[in-house]
Protein backbone atom coordinates (compact mmCIF):
# COMPACT_ATOMS: atom_id res chain seq x y z
CA MET A 1 -9.04 -18.62 27.01
CA GLU A 2 -7.56 -15.13 26.60
CA TYR A 3 -5.26 -16.35 23.84
CA ILE A 4 -8.25 -17.68 21.86
CA PHE A 5 -9.99 -14.29 21.92
CA LEU A 6 -6.71 -12.57 21.04
CA CYS A 7 -6.17 -14.85 18.03
CA LEU A 8 -9.78 -14.37 16.89
CA SER A 9 -9.50 -10.59 17.15
CA ILE A 10 -6.21 -10.62 15.21
CA ILE A 11 -7.73 -12.83 12.49
CA THR A 12 -10.85 -10.67 12.16
CA THR A 13 -8.85 -7.43 12.04
CA GLY A 14 -6.56 -8.99 9.43
CA CYS A 15 -9.53 -9.96 7.27
CA ILE A 16 -11.03 -6.47 7.57
CA ILE A 17 -7.69 -4.85 6.68
CA THR A 18 -7.19 -7.10 3.63
CA LEU A 19 -10.75 -6.42 2.43
CA GLY A 20 -10.23 -2.68 2.88
CA LEU A 21 -6.91 -2.76 1.02
CA THR A 22 -8.40 -4.71 -1.89
CA SER A 23 -11.32 -2.27 -2.20
CA ILE A 24 -8.91 0.69 -2.03
CA SER A 25 -6.65 -0.84 -4.70
CA GLU A 26 -9.69 -1.45 -6.94
CA GLN A 27 -10.76 2.19 -6.56
CA LEU A 28 -7.21 3.37 -7.31
CA SER A 29 -7.03 1.22 -10.45
CA ARG A 30 -10.37 2.65 -11.62
CA MET A 31 -9.11 6.19 -10.98
CA ASN A 32 -5.91 5.44 -12.92
CA GLU A 33 -7.95 4.09 -15.85
CA LEU A 34 -10.07 7.27 -15.91
CA ARG A 35 -6.92 9.42 -15.73
CA ASP A 36 -5.34 7.48 -18.60
CA LYS A 37 -8.46 8.03 -20.72
CA GLU A 38 -8.50 11.76 -19.91
CA LEU A 39 -4.76 12.09 -20.56
CA SER A 40 -5.01 10.29 -23.90
CA ALA A 41 -7.92 12.54 -24.92
CA ASP A 42 -6.07 15.67 -23.77
CA SER A 43 -2.83 14.64 -25.50
CA SER A 44 -4.58 13.79 -28.77
CA ALA A 45 -6.44 17.14 -28.89
CA PRO A 46 -3.40 19.50 -28.92
CA GLU A 47 -1.57 17.25 -31.39
CA SER A 48 -4.40 17.59 -33.90
CA LYS A 49 -4.47 21.37 -33.34
CA GLU A 50 -0.72 21.66 -33.99
CA SER A 51 -0.89 19.64 -37.20
């Protein structure tokens, strides 16, 4: 009986960890997209000033 509860707890914790990692990776990808947009805007501004 103890092994069943142990397996269930391991499975549930694994699911929670995978869900947390996927949400974190999604947030990181969104942050990277925003950074890329800001960087492209920042890089294009000084170039136009120089020319």
